[in-house]
All heavy atoms as atom14 arrays in JSON, in Angstrom:
{
  "sequence": "RIHDGITGRIGELYGQLAAADNAVIRIEDPLSGTTVPARVSRED",
  "atom14_mask": [
    [1, 1, 1, 1, 1, 1, 1, 1, 1, 1, 1, 0, 0, 0],
    [1, 1, 1, 1, 1, 1, 1, 1, 0, 0, 0, 0, 0, 0],
    [1, 1, 1, 1, 1, 1, 1, 1, 1, 1, 0, 0, 0, 0],
    [1, 1, 1, 1, 1, 1, 1, 1, 0, 0, 0, 0, 0, 0],
    [1, 1, 1, 1, 0, 0, 0, 0, 0, 0, 0, 0, 0, 0],
    [1, 1, 1, 1, 1, 1, 1, 1, 0, 0, 0, 0, 0, 0],
    [1, 1, 1, 1, 1, 1, 1, 0, 0, 0, 0, 0, 0, 0],
    [1, 1, 1, 1, 0, 0, 0, 0, 0, 0, 0, 0, 0, 0],
    [1, 1, 1, 1, 1, 1, 1, 1, 1, 1, 1, 0, 0, 0],
    [1, 1, 1, 1, 1, 1, 1, 1, 0, 0, 0, 0, 0, 0],
    [1, 1, 1, 1, 0, 0, 0, 0, 0, 0, 0, 0, 0, 0],
    [1, 1, 1, 1, 1, 1, 1, 1, 1, 0, 0, 0, 0, 0],
    [1, 1, 1, 1, 1, 1, 1, 1, 0, 0, 0, 0, 0, 0],
    [1, 1, 1, 1, 1, 1, 1, 1, 1, 1, 1, 1, 0, 0],
    [1, 1, 1, 1, 0, 0, 0, 0, 0, 0, 0, 0, 0, 0],
    [1, 1, 1, 1, 1, 1, 1, 1, 1, 0, 0, 0, 0, 0],
    [1, 1, 1, 1, 1, 1, 1, 1, 0, 0, 0, 0, 0, 0],
    [1, 1, 1, 1, 1, 0, 0, 0, 0, 0, 0, 0, 0, 0],
    [1, 1, 1, 1, 1, 0, 0, 0, 0, 0, 0, 0, 0, 0],
    [1, 1, 1, 1, 1, 0, 0, 0, 0, 0, 0, 0, 0, 0],
    [1, 1, 1, 1, 1, 1, 1, 1, 0, 0, 0, 0, 0, 0],
    [1, 1, 1, 1, 1, 1, 1, 1, 0, 0, 0, 0, 0, 0],
    [1, 1, 1, 1, 1, 0, 0, 0, 0, 0, 0, 0, 0, 0],
    [1, 1, 1, 1, 1, 1, 1, 0, 0, 0, 0, 0, 0, 0],
    [1, 1, 1, 1, 1, 1, 1, 1, 0, 0, 0, 0, 0, 0],
    [1, 1, 1, 1, 1, 1, 1, 1, 1, 1, 1, 0, 0, 0],
    [1, 1, 1, 1, 1, 1, 1, 1, 0, 0, 0, 0, 0, 0],
    [1, 1, 1, 1, 1, 1, 1, 1, 1, 0, 0, 0, 0, 0],
    [1, 1, 1, 1, 1, 1, 1, 1, 0, 0, 0, 0, 0, 0],
    [1, 1, 1, 1, 1, 1, 1, 0, 0, 0, 0, 0, 0, 0],
    [1, 1, 1, 1, 1, 1, 1, 1, 0, 0, 0, 0, 0, 0],
    [1, 1, 1, 1, 1, 1, 0, 0, 0, 0, 0, 0, 0, 0],
    [1, 1, 1, 1, 0, 0, 0, 0, 0, 0, 0, 0, 0, 0],
    [1, 1, 1, 1, 1, 1, 1, 0, 0, 0, 0, 0, 0, 0],
    [1, 1, 1, 1, 1, 1, 1, 0, 0, 0, 0, 0, 0, 0],
    [1, 1, 1, 1, 1, 1, 1, 0, 0, 0, 0, 0, 0, 0],
    [1, 1, 1, 1, 1, 1, 1, 0, 0, 0, 0, 0, 0, 0],
    [1, 1, 1, 1, 1, 0, 0, 0, 0, 0, 0, 0, 0, 0],
    [1, 1, 1, 1, 1, 1, 1, 1, 1, 1, 1, 0, 0, 0],
    [1, 1, 1, 1, 1, 1, 1, 0, 0, 0, 0, 0, 0, 0],
    [1, 1, 1, 1, 1, 1, 0, 0, 0, 0, 0, 0, 0, 0],
    [1, 1, 1, 1, 1, 1, 1, 1, 1, 1, 1, 0, 0, 0],
    [1, 1, 1, 1, 1, 1, 1, 1, 1, 0, 0, 0, 0, 0],
    [1, 1, 1, 1, 1, 1, 1, 1, 0, 0, 0, 0, 0, 0]
  ],
  "atom14_positions": [
    [[-6.02, -92.71, 98.29], [-5.18, -92.5, 99.48], [-5.2, -93.75, 100.29], [-4.14, -94.17, 100.75], [-5.74, -91.36, 100.23], [-5.57, -89.98, 99.63], [-5.87, -88.74, 100.61], [-7.31, -88.82, 101.1], [-8.27, -88.29, 100.44], [-8.0, -87.45, 99.26], [-9.41, -88.25, 100.9], [0.0, 0.0, 0.0], [0.0, 0.0, 0.0], [0.0, 0.0, 0.0]],
    [[-6.36, -94.46, 100.42], [-6.39, -95.63, 101.15], [-5.59, -96.73, 100.43], [-4.79, -97.46, 100.96], [-7.89, -96.19, 101.38], [-8.6, -95.08, 102.19], [-7.91, -97.52, 102.01], [-8.07, -94.97, 103.6], [0.0, 0.0, 0.0], [0.0, 0.0, 0.0], [0.0, 0.0, 0.0], [0.0, 0.0, 0.0], [0.0, 0.0, 0.0], [0.0, 0.0, 0.0]],
    [[-5.76, -96.86, 99.12], [-4.94, -97.73, 98.22], [-3.45, -97.54, 98.6], [-2.71, -98.42, 98.7], [-5.29, -97.45, 96.72], [-4.53, -98.41, 95.82], [-3.26, -98.15, 95.37], [-4.87, -99.52, 95.14], [-2.86, -98.99, 94.59], [-3.91, -99.93, 94.38], [0.0, 0.0, 0.0], [0.0, 0.0, 0.0], [0.0, 0.0, 0.0], [0.0, 0.0, 0.0]],
    [[-3.0, -96.3, 98.38], [-1.64, -96.02, 98.68], [-1.06, -96.35, 100.11], [0.02, -96.82, 100.35], [-1.33, -94.55, 98.47], [-1.48, -94.15, 97.0], [-1.56, -95.04, 96.13], [-1.48, -92.96, 96.64], [0.0, 0.0, 0.0], [0.0, 0.0, 0.0], [0.0, 0.0, 0.0], [0.0, 0.0, 0.0], [0.0, 0.0, 0.0], [0.0, 0.0, 0.0]],
    [[-1.99, -96.19, 101.08], [-1.83, -96.58, 102.47], [-1.57, -97.98, 102.53], [-0.69, -98.58, 103.26], [0.0, 0.0, 0.0], [0.0, 0.0, 0.0], [0.0, 0.0, 0.0], [0.0, 0.0, 0.0], [0.0, 0.0, 0.0], [0.0, 0.0, 0.0], [0.0, 0.0, 0.0], [0.0, 0.0, 0.0], [0.0, 0.0, 0.0], [0.0, 0.0, 0.0]],
    [[-2.46, -98.86, 101.88], [-2.34, -100.22, 101.96], [-0.93, -100.77, 101.32], [-0.29, -101.51, 101.86], [-3.51, -100.9, 101.27], [-4.81, -100.65, 102.11], [-3.28, -102.5, 101.07], [-6.09, -101.02, 101.24], [0.0, 0.0, 0.0], [0.0, 0.0, 0.0], [0.0, 0.0, 0.0], [0.0, 0.0, 0.0], [0.0, 0.0, 0.0], [0.0, 0.0, 0.0]],
    [[-0.72, -100.29, 100.07], [0.47, -100.66, 99.34], [1.7, -100.13, 100.15], [2.8, -100.96, 100.08], [0.56, -100.22, 97.92], [0.39, -98.81, 97.81], [-0.62, -100.83, 97.14], [0.0, 0.0, 0.0], [0.0, 0.0, 0.0], [0.0, 0.0, 0.0], [0.0, 0.0, 0.0], [0.0, 0.0, 0.0], [0.0, 0.0, 0.0], [0.0, 0.0, 0.0]],
    [[1.62, -99.09, 100.75], [2.77, -98.62, 101.61], [3.13, -99.44, 102.71], [4.22, -99.41, 103.35], [0.0, 0.0, 0.0], [0.0, 0.0, 0.0], [0.0, 0.0, 0.0], [0.0, 0.0, 0.0], [0.0, 0.0, 0.0], [0.0, 0.0, 0.0], [0.0, 0.0, 0.0], [0.0, 0.0, 0.0], [0.0, 0.0, 0.0], [0.0, 0.0, 0.0]],
    [[2.11, -100.21, 103.26], [2.17, -101.01, 104.38], [2.02, -102.46, 104.17], [1.77, -103.11, 105.09], [1.38, -100.54, 105.53], [1.64, -99.05, 106.07], [0.7, -98.57, 107.17], [0.5, -99.59, 108.18], [-0.48, -99.52, 109.13], [-1.38, -98.62, 108.99], [-0.56, -100.41, 109.98], [0.0, 0.0, 0.0], [0.0, 0.0, 0.0], [0.0, 0.0, 0.0]],
    [[2.06, -102.82, 102.9], [1.77, -104.19, 102.53], [2.73, -105.2, 103.25], [2.34, -106.32, 103.43], [1.88, -104.34, 101.03], [1.07, -105.68, 100.48], [3.28, -104.38, 100.38], [-0.37, -105.51, 100.4], [0.0, 0.0, 0.0], [0.0, 0.0, 0.0], [0.0, 0.0, 0.0], [0.0, 0.0, 0.0], [0.0, 0.0, 0.0], [0.0, 0.0, 0.0]],
    [[3.9, -104.79, 103.49], [4.84, -105.71, 104.13], [4.34, -106.19, 105.53], [4.62, -107.41, 105.96], [0.0, 0.0, 0.0], [0.0, 0.0, 0.0], [0.0, 0.0, 0.0], [0.0, 0.0, 0.0], [0.0, 0.0, 0.0], [0.0, 0.0, 0.0], [0.0, 0.0, 0.0], [0.0, 0.0, 0.0], [0.0, 0.0, 0.0], [0.0, 0.0, 0.0]],
    [[3.47, -105.29, 106.23], [3.03, -105.71, 107.5], [2.01, -106.91, 107.21], [1.93, -107.82, 108.07], [2.32, -104.54, 108.2], [3.27, -103.51, 108.54], [2.52, -102.26, 109.18], [1.66, -102.35, 109.99], [2.83, -101.11, 108.67], [0.0, 0.0, 0.0], [0.0, 0.0, 0.0], [0.0, 0.0, 0.0], [0.0, 0.0, 0.0], [0.0, 0.0, 0.0]],
    [[1.22, -106.78, 106.26], [0.23, -107.75, 105.95], [0.89, -109.13, 105.62], [0.58, -110.25, 106.09], [-0.63, -107.37, 104.76], [-1.68, -106.4, 104.99], [-2.43, -105.91, 103.78], [-2.76, -106.82, 106.1], [0.0, 0.0, 0.0], [0.0, 0.0, 0.0], [0.0, 0.0, 0.0], [0.0, 0.0, 0.0], [0.0, 0.0, 0.0], [0.0, 0.0, 0.0]],
    [[1.98, -109.07, 104.78], [2.77, -110.17, 104.34], [3.4, -110.75, 105.67], [3.38, -112.11, 105.75], [3.82, -109.95, 103.32], [3.32, -109.63, 102.04], [3.95, -108.67, 101.17], [2.15, -110.17, 101.43], [3.63, -108.3, 99.94], [1.66, -109.8, 100.23], [2.36, -108.93, 99.49], [1.92, -108.58, 98.16], [0.0, 0.0, 0.0], [0.0, 0.0, 0.0]],
    [[3.9, -109.98, 106.59], [4.54, -110.43, 107.68], [3.57, -111.3, 108.72], [3.9, -112.36, 109.23], [0.0, 0.0, 0.0], [0.0, 0.0, 0.0], [0.0, 0.0, 0.0], [0.0, 0.0, 0.0], [0.0, 0.0, 0.0], [0.0, 0.0, 0.0], [0.0, 0.0, 0.0], [0.0, 0.0, 0.0], [0.0, 0.0, 0.0], [0.0, 0.0, 0.0]],
    [[2.37, -110.76, 108.74], [1.3, -111.42, 109.52], [0.93, -112.7, 108.85], [0.68, -113.71, 109.61], [0.08, -110.4, 109.67], [0.37, -109.25, 110.72], [-0.88, -108.4, 110.77], [-2.06, -108.81, 110.77], [-0.7, -106.99, 110.91], [0.0, 0.0, 0.0], [0.0, 0.0, 0.0], [0.0, 0.0, 0.0], [0.0, 0.0, 0.0], [0.0, 0.0, 0.0]],
    [[0.8, -112.66, 107.66], [0.34, -113.91, 106.91], [1.39, -114.92, 106.84], [1.12, -116.17, 106.64], [0.02, -113.57, 105.49], [-1.29, -112.84, 105.29], [-1.47, -112.39, 103.74], [-2.45, -113.67, 105.68], [0.0, 0.0, 0.0], [0.0, 0.0, 0.0], [0.0, 0.0, 0.0], [0.0, 0.0, 0.0], [0.0, 0.0, 0.0], [0.0, 0.0, 0.0]],
    [[2.64, -114.63, 107.16], [3.78, -115.72, 107.33], [3.5, -116.44, 108.57], [3.91, -117.65, 108.64], [5.07, -115.04, 107.3], [0.0, 0.0, 0.0], [0.0, 0.0, 0.0], [0.0, 0.0, 0.0], [0.0, 0.0, 0.0], [0.0, 0.0, 0.0], [0.0, 0.0, 0.0], [0.0, 0.0, 0.0], [0.0, 0.0, 0.0], [0.0, 0.0, 0.0]],
    [[2.83, -115.93, 109.48], [2.58, -116.59, 110.79], [1.26, -117.05, 111.07], [0.88, -117.85, 111.94], [3.07, -115.76, 111.95], [0.0, 0.0, 0.0], [0.0, 0.0, 0.0], [0.0, 0.0, 0.0], [0.0, 0.0, 0.0], [0.0, 0.0, 0.0], [0.0, 0.0, 0.0], [0.0, 0.0, 0.0], [0.0, 0.0, 0.0], [0.0, 0.0, 0.0]],
    [[0.12, -116.55, 110.24], [-1.26, -116.8, 110.6], [-1.99, -116.77, 109.22], [-1.43, -116.43, 108.17], [-1.84, -115.66, 111.47], [0.0, 0.0, 0.0], [0.0, 0.0, 0.0], [0.0, 0.0, 0.0], [0.0, 0.0, 0.0], [0.0, 0.0, 0.0], [0.0, 0.0, 0.0], [0.0, 0.0, 0.0], [0.0, 0.0, 0.0], [0.0, 0.0, 0.0]],
    [[-3.15, -117.44, 109.37], [-3.98, -117.49, 108.17], [-4.74, -116.16, 107.68], [-5.13, -116.05, 106.59], [-5.12, -118.58, 108.32], [-4.55, -119.99, 108.36], [-3.43, -120.21, 107.86], [-5.21, -120.8, 108.97], [0.0, 0.0, 0.0], [0.0, 0.0, 0.0], [0.0, 0.0, 0.0], [0.0, 0.0, 0.0], [0.0, 0.0, 0.0], [0.0, 0.0, 0.0]],
    [[-4.71, -115.16, 108.75], [-5.41, -113.95, 108.42], [-4.52, -112.81, 108.98], [-3.85, -112.94, 109.87], [-6.79, -113.9, 109.08], [-7.79, -114.87, 108.63], [-8.21, -114.75, 107.53], [-7.96, -115.99, 109.37], [0.0, 0.0, 0.0], [0.0, 0.0, 0.0], [0.0, 0.0, 0.0], [0.0, 0.0, 0.0], [0.0, 0.0, 0.0], [0.0, 0.0, 0.0]],
    [[-4.68, -111.63, 108.22], [-3.99, -110.42, 108.66], [-4.75, -109.22, 108.66], [-5.72, -109.26, 107.82], [-2.73, -110.24, 107.71], [0.0, 0.0, 0.0], [0.0, 0.0, 0.0], [0.0, 0.0, 0.0], [0.0, 0.0, 0.0], [0.0, 0.0, 0.0], [0.0, 0.0, 0.0], [0.0, 0.0, 0.0], [0.0, 0.0, 0.0], [0.0, 0.0, 0.0]],
    [[-4.52, -108.2, 109.31], [-5.21, -107.04, 109.22], [-4.4, -105.81, 109.73], [-3.59, -105.89, 110.74], [-6.63, -107.07, 110.22], [-6.2, -107.22, 111.63], [-7.48, -105.89, 109.91], [0.0, 0.0, 0.0], [0.0, 0.0, 0.0], [0.0, 0.0, 0.0], [0.0, 0.0, 0.0], [0.0, 0.0, 0.0], [0.0, 0.0, 0.0], [0.0, 0.0, 0.0]],
    [[-4.5, -104.77, 108.97], [-3.9, -103.53, 109.42], [-4.99, -102.43, 109.26], [-5.83, -102.64, 108.39], [-2.7, -103.11, 108.5], [-2.98, -102.98, 107.12], [-1.39, -104.02, 108.79], [-1.85, -102.51, 106.18], [0.0, 0.0, 0.0], [0.0, 0.0, 0.0], [0.0, 0.0, 0.0], [0.0, 0.0, 0.0], [0.0, 0.0, 0.0], [0.0, 0.0, 0.0]],
    [[-4.84, -101.26, 109.89], [-5.84, -100.33, 109.74], [-5.18, -99.09, 109.18], [-4.19, -98.72, 109.55], [-6.43, -99.93, 111.15], [-7.09, -101.13, 111.76], [-7.91, -100.75, 112.96], [-8.49, -101.78, 113.62], [-9.59, -102.55, 113.02], [-10.12, -102.14, 111.96], [-10.14, -103.61, 113.66], [0.0, 0.0, 0.0], [0.0, 0.0, 0.0], [0.0, 0.0, 0.0]],
    [[-5.85, -98.65, 108.09], [-5.28, -97.49, 107.32], [-6.2, -96.25, 107.49], [-7.4, -96.35, 107.3], [-5.42, -97.82, 105.74], [-4.65, -99.18, 105.48], [-4.87, -96.7, 105.0], [-3.18, -99.12, 105.73], [0.0, 0.0, 0.0], [0.0, 0.0, 0.0], [0.0, 0.0, 0.0], [0.0, 0.0, 0.0], [0.0, 0.0, 0.0], [0.0, 0.0, 0.0]],
    [[-5.64, -95.19, 107.92], [-6.45, -93.99, 108.31], [-6.16, -93.05, 107.14], [-5.1, -92.79, 106.63], [-5.89, -93.4, 109.49], [-6.67, -92.15, 109.9], [-6.39, -91.57, 111.32], [-5.86, -92.13, 112.02], [-6.8, -90.35, 111.49], [0.0, 0.0, 0.0], [0.0, 0.0, 0.0], [0.0, 0.0, 0.0], [0.0, 0.0, 0.0], [0.0, 0.0, 0.0]],
    [[-7.26, -92.44, 106.57], [-7.32, -91.44, 105.64], [-6.9, -90.03, 106.38], [-7.78, -89.68, 107.16], [-8.55, -91.47, 104.85], [-8.56, -90.2, 103.81], [-7.61, -89.8, 103.49], [-9.75, -89.87, 103.4], [0.0, 0.0, 0.0], [0.0, 0.0, 0.0], [0.0, 0.0, 0.0], [0.0, 0.0, 0.0], [0.0, 0.0, 0.0], [0.0, 0.0, 0.0]],
    [[-5.84, -89.47, 106.12], [-5.45, -88.29, 106.86], [-6.39, -87.04, 106.59], [-6.58, -86.25, 107.45], [-4.04, -87.92, 106.38], [-3.89, -88.63, 105.13], [-4.83, -89.8, 105.05], [0.0, 0.0, 0.0], [0.0, 0.0, 0.0], [0.0, 0.0, 0.0], [0.0, 0.0, 0.0], [0.0, 0.0, 0.0], [0.0, 0.0, 0.0], [0.0, 0.0, 0.0]],
    [[-7.14, -87.1, 105.51], [-8.01, -85.95, 105.2], [-9.32, -86.08, 105.91], [-9.81, -85.13, 106.47], [-8.21, -85.73, 103.67], [-6.89, -85.32, 102.92], [-7.19, -85.13, 101.47], [-6.34, -84.03, 103.52], [0.0, 0.0, 0.0], [0.0, 0.0, 0.0], [0.0, 0.0, 0.0], [0.0, 0.0, 0.0], [0.0, 0.0, 0.0], [0.0, 0.0, 0.0]],
    [[-9.94, -87.27, 105.84], [-11.3, -87.56, 106.31], [-11.26, -88.07, 107.77], [-12.23, -87.94, 108.5], [-12.09, -88.41, 105.53], [-11.58, -89.74, 105.6], [0.0, 0.0, 0.0], [0.0, 0.0, 0.0], [0.0, 0.0, 0.0], [0.0, 0.0, 0.0], [0.0, 0.0, 0.0], [0.0, 0.0, 0.0], [0.0, 0.0, 0.0], [0.0, 0.0, 0.0]],
    [[-10.18, -88.55, 108.23], [-10.02, -89.26, 109.48], [-10.66, -90.58, 109.59], [-10.59, -91.27, 110.62], [0.0, 0.0, 0.0], [0.0, 0.0, 0.0], [0.0, 0.0, 0.0], [0.0, 0.0, 0.0], [0.0, 0.0, 0.0], [0.0, 0.0, 0.0], [0.0, 0.0, 0.0], [0.0, 0.0, 0.0], [0.0, 0.0, 0.0], [0.0, 0.0, 0.0]],
    [[-11.15, -91.01, 108.47], [-11.75, -92.47, 108.32], [-10.66, -93.45, 108.37], [-9.58, -93.37, 107.9], [-12.48, -92.58, 106.91], [-13.38, -91.44, 106.83], [-13.22, -93.9, 106.84], [0.0, 0.0, 0.0], [0.0, 0.0, 0.0], [0.0, 0.0, 0.0], [0.0, 0.0, 0.0], [0.0, 0.0, 0.0], [0.0, 0.0, 0.0], [0.0, 0.0, 0.0]],
    [[-10.94, -94.55, 109.15], [-10.03, -95.68, 109.27], [-10.61, -96.87, 108.55], [-11.81, -97.19, 108.73], [-9.81, -95.93, 110.76], [-9.16, -94.91, 111.39], [-8.83, -97.24, 110.8], [0.0, 0.0, 0.0], [0.0, 0.0, 0.0], [0.0, 0.0, 0.0], [0.0, 0.0, 0.0], [0.0, 0.0, 0.0], [0.0, 0.0, 0.0], [0.0, 0.0, 0.0]],
    [[-9.9, -97.5, 107.65], [-10.35, -98.65, 106.86], [-9.54, -99.84, 107.27], [-8.3, -99.74, 107.23], [-10.23, -98.39, 105.39], [-10.62, -99.6, 104.56], [-11.08, -97.17, 105.0], [0.0, 0.0, 0.0], [0.0, 0.0, 0.0], [0.0, 0.0, 0.0], [0.0, 0.0, 0.0], [0.0, 0.0, 0.0], [0.0, 0.0, 0.0], [0.0, 0.0, 0.0]],
    [[-10.26, -100.97, 107.72], [-9.52, -102.11, 108.05], [-9.07, -102.82, 106.76], [-9.88, -103.06, 105.85], [-10.55, -103.03, 108.84], [-11.86, -102.52, 108.33], [-11.69, -101.13, 107.92], [0.0, 0.0, 0.0], [0.0, 0.0, 0.0], [0.0, 0.0, 0.0], [0.0, 0.0, 0.0], [0.0, 0.0, 0.0], [0.0, 0.0, 0.0], [0.0, 0.0, 0.0]],
    [[-7.84, -103.13, 106.55], [-7.37, -103.9, 105.45], [-7.15, -105.29, 105.92], [-6.15, -105.64, 106.49], [-6.05, -103.38, 104.92], [0.0, 0.0, 0.0], [0.0, 0.0, 0.0], [0.0, 0.0, 0.0], [0.0, 0.0, 0.0], [0.0, 0.0, 0.0], [0.0, 0.0, 0.0], [0.0, 0.0, 0.0], [0.0, 0.0, 0.0], [0.0, 0.0, 0.0]],
    [[-8.13, -106.12, 105.77], [-8.18, -107.53, 106.14], [-7.73, -108.34, 104.94], [-8.47, -108.25, 103.86], [-9.51, -108.01, 106.61], [-9.76, -107.4, 107.92], [-11.14, -108.09, 108.56], [-11.38, -107.6, 109.88], [-11.99, -106.38, 110.2], [-12.42, -105.64, 109.27], [-12.09, -106.16, 111.47], [0.0, 0.0, 0.0], [0.0, 0.0, 0.0], [0.0, 0.0, 0.0]],
    [[-6.83, -109.3, 105.02], [-6.43, -110.26, 104.01], [-6.14, -111.56, 104.59], [-5.57, -111.68, 105.62], [-5.19, -109.72, 103.21], [-4.8, -110.69, 102.14], [-5.38, -108.35, 102.69], [0.0, 0.0, 0.0], [0.0, 0.0, 0.0], [0.0, 0.0, 0.0], [0.0, 0.0, 0.0], [0.0, 0.0, 0.0], [0.0, 0.0, 0.0], [0.0, 0.0, 0.0]],
    [[-6.64, -112.6, 103.92], [-6.4, -113.96, 104.35], [-5.46, -114.65, 103.24], [-5.25, -114.28, 102.12], [-7.64, -114.74, 104.61], [-8.24, -114.88, 103.25], [0.0, 0.0, 0.0], [0.0, 0.0, 0.0], [0.0, 0.0, 0.0], [0.0, 0.0, 0.0], [0.0, 0.0, 0.0], [0.0, 0.0, 0.0], [0.0, 0.0, 0.0], [0.0, 0.0, 0.0]],
    [[-4.92, -115.73, 103.64], [-4.09, -116.52, 102.71], [-5.01, -116.94, 101.54], [-4.56, -117.01, 100.36], [-3.51, -117.72, 103.29], [-2.39, -117.42, 104.28], [-1.81, -118.63, 105.02], [-0.73, -118.3, 105.85], [-0.11, -119.17, 106.74], [-0.52, -120.41, 106.63], [0.82, -118.71, 107.58], [0.0, 0.0, 0.0], [0.0, 0.0, 0.0], [0.0, 0.0, 0.0]],
    [[-6.26, -117.32, 101.9], [-7.24, -117.61, 100.86], [-7.43, -116.5, 99.88], [-7.55, -116.72, 98.69], [-8.55, -118.08, 101.59], [-9.54, -118.67, 100.56], [-10.83, -119.09, 101.3], [-10.63, -120.06, 102.13], [-11.85, -118.52, 101.1], [0.0, 0.0, 0.0], [0.0, 0.0, 0.0], [0.0, 0.0, 0.0], [0.0, 0.0, 0.0], [0.0, 0.0, 0.0]],
    [[-7.63, -115.24, 100.55], [-7.74, -114.13, 99.56], [-6.52, -113.96, 98.52], [-6.82, -113.68, 97.37], [-7.8, -112.78, 100.41], [-8.99, -112.72, 101.27], [-10.15, -113.25, 100.83], [-8.98, -112.01, 102.31], [0.0, 0.0, 0.0], [0.0, 0.0, 0.0], [0.0, 0.0, 0.0], [0.0, 0.0, 0.0], [0.0, 0.0, 0.0], [0.0, 0.0, 0.0]]
  ]
}
């Protein structure tokens, strides 16, 4: 579910990386309520 959430919002990460060296979005698992930070850098 988290994987699907990241790939579904990957454009947001790419958009942030176009302007900065690091990007982050928060993905919430609707069943558990857990939020996972998806942090990605240009180096990553």
